[in-house]
Amino acid sequence: MTRPHTSAEPTDPATSGPAATPGSSRPTKRQRGSKLAQRLRGSALARWAIGGLGAFYVWLCFRTTRWEWVGREHLDPLLEGPAFIGAVWHARLALVAMLRPRGRRAIALISENNDGDLIARVIANLGAQAARGSSRDPNKPDKERGGGAAMRELVEALEAGAIAVMTPDGPRGPRMRVKPGVAVTATHASVPVLPVAYSTRRGKLLRSWDRMLLPRPFDRGVWVFGAPIAPAALDDRAAIEAKMEQIEQALMAVTLEADRRMGRETPDQGETLVLP
């Protein structure tokens, strides 16, 4: 049987290397790129450089974009006074550190992996702090991921008057589905939750699990803020689940409004999160 010709086979033996054969272990271009990215993430020097470059890119995008502000009356009183949690979907996290007022302490919940390390370095260069940890995977409830210690760190910071930033669907989804962490933290610290979203005209939607919106410099964009959501009165399952639903609906509302104003289609939500 004749083997079908593919573009991977050389057409000129005099100028080409050996052809890939079925079962060959020769890595593809995508696999080589993935290995290179892993090596860079594992290098302390590379992480330091990427953190600085990432912070500069965030600053450049924020400063050169013509922003429209919707719901600023919800944001400004909180920036000037009491502690609060800014809740934003993981896909719209990139620029949030730029909202920190000069001299105001801000702390974000960041996962304890290599990608989280890069994010922590970026926000540190922008003047914010990171509490490292993430919520338990509902499919692996016995595996501790540092979420408890990180939540206590956030609560202490909030009680001292800081601003906290949390991604209720992070670090691995389901996309745009609220996990308990934000509602529990708000209840323990007795602070409100502010729904936050931004969208831009020319930003690129990545093919990541969260469909990250990567902003671009010299663009048009919009920030949308919802009304602050009071913390649950009781730290029990029913009260927390009710507050989770309220936060999720509010976050979807500001995200849909931001995308509508920029002529974008909002990605679909992930599967409904079932709590253990």
Protein backbone atom coordinates (compact mmCIF):
# COMPACT_ATOMS: atom_id res chain seq x y z
CA MET A 1 0.00 0.00 0.00
CA THR A 2 1.37 3.43 -0.94
CA ARG A 3 1.90 5.77 1.97
CA PRO A 4 0.10 9.12 1.45
CA HIS A 5 2.36 12.15 0.97
CA THR A 6 2.33 14.73 3.79
CA SER A 7 3.89 18.17 4.09
CA ALA A 8 6.22 16.79 6.76
CA GLU A 9 8.06 14.63 4.18
CA PRO A 10 11.04 16.21 2.41
CA THR A 11 10.62 16.71 -1.33
CA ASP A 12 14.33 17.24 -2.05
CA PRO A 13 16.72 14.81 -0.31
CA ALA A 14 19.66 16.98 -1.28
CA THR A 15 18.42 19.97 0.74
CA SER A 16 16.19 18.41 3.38
CA GLY A 17 16.82 16.39 6.51
CA PRO A 18 15.43 12.91 7.17
CA ALA A 19 11.67 12.54 7.00
CA ALA A 20 9.61 11.96 10.09
CA THR A 21 8.28 8.41 10.20
CA PRO A 22 5.21 7.05 11.94
CA GLY A 23 5.94 6.58 15.61
CA SER A 24 8.90 8.99 15.50
CA SER A 25 9.67 10.72 18.81
CA ARG A 26 10.84 13.89 17.03
CA PRO A 27 9.05 16.80 18.82
CA THR A 28 6.76 19.10 16.89
CA LYS A 29 7.21 22.88 16.75
CA ARG A 30 4.40 23.29 19.28
CA GLN A 31 6.00 20.76 21.65
CA ARG A 32 9.37 22.50 21.38
CA GLY A 33 7.70 25.84 22.17
CA SER A 34 5.97 24.33 25.19
CA LYS A 35 9.25 22.90 26.52
CA LEU A 36 10.95 26.26 26.03
CA ALA A 37 8.15 28.01 27.94
CA GLN A 38 8.52 25.47 30.77
CA ARG A 39 12.27 26.09 30.96
CA LEU A 40 11.73 29.85 31.04
CA ARG A 41 9.15 29.55 33.83
CA GLY A 42 11.63 27.43 35.77
CA SER A 43 14.42 29.99 35.48
CA ALA A 44 14.62 32.56 38.29
CA LEU A 45 16.30 35.08 35.98
CA ALA A 46 13.64 34.59 33.30
CA ARG A 47 10.84 34.98 35.84
CA TRP A 48 12.41 38.21 37.09
CA ALA A 49 12.72 39.58 33.55
CA ILE A 50 9.22 38.50 32.54
CA GLY A 51 7.81 40.07 35.69
CA GLY A 52 9.35 43.42 34.81
CA LEU A 53 8.36 43.28 31.16
CA GLY A 54 4.85 42.15 32.07
CA ALA A 55 4.42 45.05 34.47
CA PHE A 56 5.60 47.50 31.80
CA TYR A 57 3.17 46.02 29.27
CA VAL A 58 0.26 46.33 31.73
CA TRP A 59 1.21 49.93 32.49
CA LEU A 60 1.53 50.75 28.77
CA CYS A 61 -1.86 49.22 27.90
CA PHE A 62 -3.63 50.98 30.75
CA ARG A 63 -2.04 54.39 30.16
CA THR A 64 -2.48 54.44 26.37
CA THR A 65 -6.07 53.17 26.25
CA ARG A 66 -8.96 55.64 26.05
CA TRP A 67 -11.15 54.40 28.90
CA GLU A 68 -14.86 54.82 29.50
CA TRP A 69 -15.93 54.42 33.13
CA VAL A 70 -19.31 52.93 34.05
CA GLY A 71 -20.40 52.62 37.68
CA ARG A 72 -17.57 54.80 38.98
CA GLU A 73 -19.91 55.90 41.77
CA HIS A 74 -19.59 52.37 43.19
CA LEU A 75 -15.78 52.32 43.01
CA ASP A 76 -14.66 55.74 44.23
CA PRO A 77 -16.13 55.66 47.77
CA LEU A 78 -14.47 52.30 48.40
CA LEU A 79 -11.09 53.41 47.05
CA GLU A 80 -11.18 56.38 49.40
CA GLY A 81 -12.27 54.57 52.53
CA PRO A 82 -13.21 51.11 53.79
CA ALA A 83 -11.67 47.77 52.94
CA PHE A 84 -13.35 45.71 50.25
CA ILE A 85 -12.84 42.78 47.88
CA GLY A 86 -12.66 43.47 44.16
CA ALA A 87 -14.03 40.40 42.39
CA VAL A 88 -13.05 39.90 38.76
CA TRP A 89 -13.13 36.90 36.45
CA HIS A 90 -9.75 35.28 35.87
CA ALA A 91 -9.90 36.30 32.20
CA ARG A 92 -10.10 40.01 33.09
CA LEU A 93 -7.42 40.14 35.79
CA ALA A 94 -4.56 41.60 33.73
CA LEU A 95 -5.15 45.32 34.33
CA VAL A 96 -6.82 45.38 37.75
CA ALA A 97 -3.64 46.26 39.67
CA MET A 98 -3.62 49.62 37.86
CA LEU A 99 -6.73 50.69 39.80
CA ARG A 100 -4.84 50.73 43.12
CA PRO A 101 -4.68 54.27 44.55
CA ARG A 102 -1.18 55.50 45.35
CA GLY A 103 -0.33 54.67 48.96
CA ARG A 104 -3.20 52.18 49.42
CA ARG A 105 -2.27 48.60 50.24
CA ALA A 106 -3.64 46.06 47.76
CA ILE A 107 -3.31 42.28 47.96
CA ALA A 108 -4.39 39.65 45.44
CA LEU A 109 -4.99 35.92 45.81
CA ILE A 110 -2.56 34.19 43.42
CA SER A 111 -2.14 30.45 42.90
CA GLU A 112 1.00 28.59 44.04
CA ASN A 113 2.28 27.46 40.64
CA ASN A 114 4.82 28.78 38.14
CA ASP A 115 2.23 30.86 36.29
CA GLY A 116 1.10 32.29 39.61
CA ASP A 117 4.72 33.15 40.40
CA LEU A 118 4.93 35.21 37.21
CA ILE A 119 1.67 37.01 38.01
CA ALA A 120 2.89 37.73 41.54
CA ARG A 121 6.07 39.28 40.15
CA VAL A 122 4.09 41.44 37.72
CA ILE A 123 1.76 42.84 40.37
CA ALA A 124 4.67 43.35 42.79
CA ASN A 125 6.25 45.63 40.18
CA LEU A 126 2.94 47.52 40.09
CA GLY A 127 2.90 48.03 43.87
CA ALA A 128 0.54 45.22 44.92
CA GLN A 129 1.13 42.15 47.09
CA ALA A 130 0.25 38.50 46.59
CA ALA A 131 -1.28 35.99 48.99
CA ARG A 132 -0.22 32.63 47.53
CA GLY A 133 -2.74 29.81 47.49
CA SER A 134 -5.95 28.68 45.82
CA SER A 135 -9.17 26.92 46.62
CA ARG A 136 -9.41 23.14 46.68
CA ASP A 137 -10.28 21.34 43.47
CA PRO A 138 -13.86 20.02 43.92
CA ASN A 139 -12.68 16.79 42.26
CA LYS A 140 -9.79 16.48 44.74
CA PRO A 141 -11.20 17.77 48.05
CA ASP A 142 -8.45 16.12 50.12
CA LYS A 143 -5.62 17.96 48.34
CA GLU A 144 -4.59 21.14 50.16
CA ARG A 145 -3.53 23.96 47.83
CA GLY A 146 -2.71 26.66 50.38
CA GLY A 147 -6.14 28.26 50.16
CA GLY A 148 -6.80 28.25 53.91
CA ALA A 149 -3.59 30.07 54.81
CA ALA A 150 -4.04 32.52 51.92
CA MET A 151 -7.59 33.29 53.01
CA ARG A 152 -6.43 34.03 56.56
CA GLU A 153 -3.78 36.36 55.12
CA LEU A 154 -6.44 38.15 53.07
CA VAL A 155 -8.75 38.49 56.06
CA GLU A 156 -5.97 40.00 58.18
CA ALA A 157 -5.11 42.44 55.40
CA LEU A 158 -8.76 43.43 54.97
CA GLU A 159 -9.19 43.94 58.70
CA ALA A 160 -6.22 46.32 58.49
CA GLY A 161 -7.95 48.33 55.74
CA ALA A 162 -6.44 46.86 52.57
CA ILE A 163 -8.05 46.24 49.20
CA ALA A 164 -8.17 42.57 48.18
CA VAL A 165 -8.55 41.22 44.66
CA MET A 166 -9.94 37.75 44.05
CA THR A 167 -10.81 35.75 40.93
CA PRO A 168 -13.79 33.62 41.97
CA ASP A 169 -13.26 31.18 39.07
CA GLY A 170 -9.48 30.87 39.45
CA PRO A 171 -7.07 29.31 39.10
CA ARG A 172 -8.48 26.59 36.82
CA GLY A 173 -12.21 27.15 36.50
CA PRO A 174 -14.89 26.30 35.70
CA ARG A 175 -14.81 29.52 33.64
CA MET A 176 -16.94 32.34 35.05
CA ARG A 177 -18.35 30.20 37.85
CA VAL A 178 -18.00 31.47 41.42
CA LYS A 179 -16.26 29.28 43.98
CA PRO A 180 -16.86 29.74 47.73
CA GLY A 181 -13.59 31.55 48.51
CA VAL A 182 -14.68 35.11 47.79
CA ALA A 183 -17.96 34.81 49.71
CA VAL A 184 -16.28 33.11 52.68
CA THR A 185 -13.47 35.68 52.83
CA ALA A 186 -15.94 38.58 52.64
CA THR A 187 -17.98 37.08 55.50
CA HIS A 188 -14.97 36.47 57.75
CA ALA A 189 -13.64 40.00 57.16
CA SER A 190 -17.10 41.65 57.15
CA VAL A 191 -16.39 43.56 53.93
CA PRO A 192 -18.38 44.10 50.71
CA VAL A 193 -17.57 42.58 47.33
CA LEU A 194 -17.27 44.91 44.33
CA PRO A 195 -17.94 43.30 40.91
CA VAL A 196 -15.35 44.50 38.37
CA ALA A 197 -14.93 43.95 34.63
CA TYR A 198 -13.16 45.57 31.73
CA SER A 199 -13.25 45.05 27.98
CA THR A 200 -11.32 46.52 25.06
CA ARG A 201 -12.01 46.97 21.37
CA ARG A 202 -8.94 45.27 19.92
CA GLY A 203 -7.80 43.00 22.75
CA LYS A 204 -7.14 39.38 21.84
CA LEU A 205 -9.07 36.46 23.32
CA LEU A 206 -6.58 33.71 24.10
CA ARG A 207 -7.36 30.00 23.77
CA SER A 208 -6.73 29.38 27.47
CA TRP A 209 -9.28 27.69 29.74
CA ASP A 210 -10.54 31.10 30.92
CA ARG A 211 -10.48 32.75 27.45
CA MET A 212 -8.18 35.47 28.76
CA LEU A 213 -8.67 38.90 27.20
CA LEU A 214 -5.17 40.19 26.46
CA PRO A 215 -5.26 43.99 26.13
CA ARG A 216 -3.31 45.92 23.51
CA PRO A 217 -1.76 49.39 23.74
CA PHE A 218 -3.38 52.44 22.12
CA ASP A 219 -6.87 50.95 22.21
CA ARG A 220 -10.35 51.88 23.38
CA GLY A 221 -11.81 50.23 26.45
CA VAL A 222 -14.37 50.33 29.23
CA TRP A 223 -14.42 49.56 32.95
CA VAL A 224 -17.74 48.52 34.50
CA PHE A 225 -18.33 48.34 38.27
CA GLY A 226 -21.41 46.87 39.90
CA ALA A 227 -23.00 47.84 43.19
CA PRO A 228 -21.11 46.49 46.23
CA ILE A 229 -22.49 43.21 47.58
CA ALA A 230 -22.77 42.92 51.36
CA PRO A 231 -21.15 39.86 52.99
CA ALA A 232 -23.23 36.89 54.05
CA ALA A 233 -24.65 37.27 57.56
CA LEU A 234 -23.74 33.69 58.49
CA ASP A 235 -20.84 31.43 57.56
CA ASP A 236 -22.98 28.42 56.74
CA ARG A 237 -23.56 26.50 53.52
CA ALA A 238 -26.94 28.01 52.65
CA ALA A 239 -25.85 31.61 53.26
CA ILE A 240 -22.58 31.20 51.38
CA GLU A 241 -24.25 29.50 48.40
CA ALA A 242 -26.82 32.31 48.18
CA LYS A 243 -24.05 34.90 48.25
CA MET A 244 -22.08 32.97 45.62
CA GLU A 245 -25.07 33.08 43.28
CA GLN A 246 -25.49 36.81 43.85
CA ILE A 247 -21.80 37.48 43.14
CA GLU A 248 -21.86 35.32 40.01
CA GLN A 249 -24.90 37.10 38.60
CA ALA A 250 -23.39 40.51 39.32
CA LEU A 251 -20.04 39.59 37.75
CA MET A 252 -21.75 38.25 34.64
CA ALA A 253 -23.79 41.44 34.39
CA VAL A 254 -20.76 43.78 34.46
CA THR A 255 -18.81 41.53 32.07
CA LEU A 256 -21.66 41.34 29.56
CA GLU A 257 -22.13 45.11 29.74
CA ALA A 258 -18.42 45.78 29.24
CA ASP A 259 -18.26 43.47 26.22
CA ARG A 260 -21.49 44.89 24.77
CA ARG A 261 -20.06 48.39 24.85
CA MET A 262 -16.93 47.22 23.02
CA GLY A 263 -18.84 45.17 20.46
CA ARG A 264 -17.54 41.87 21.81
CA GLU A 265 -19.21 38.53 22.37
CA THR A 266 -18.67 37.25 25.91
CA PRO A 267 -17.36 33.66 26.07
CA ASP A 268 -19.73 31.02 27.41
CA GLN A 269 -19.59 30.08 31.06
CA GLY A 270 -18.09 26.76 32.06
CA GLU A 271 -20.03 23.90 33.59
CA THR A 272 -21.90 24.65 36.80
CA LEU A 273 -19.70 24.11 39.84
CA VAL A 274 -21.01 21.39 42.16
CA LEU A 275 -19.73 21.84 45.71
CA PRO A 276 -18.58 18.75 47.64
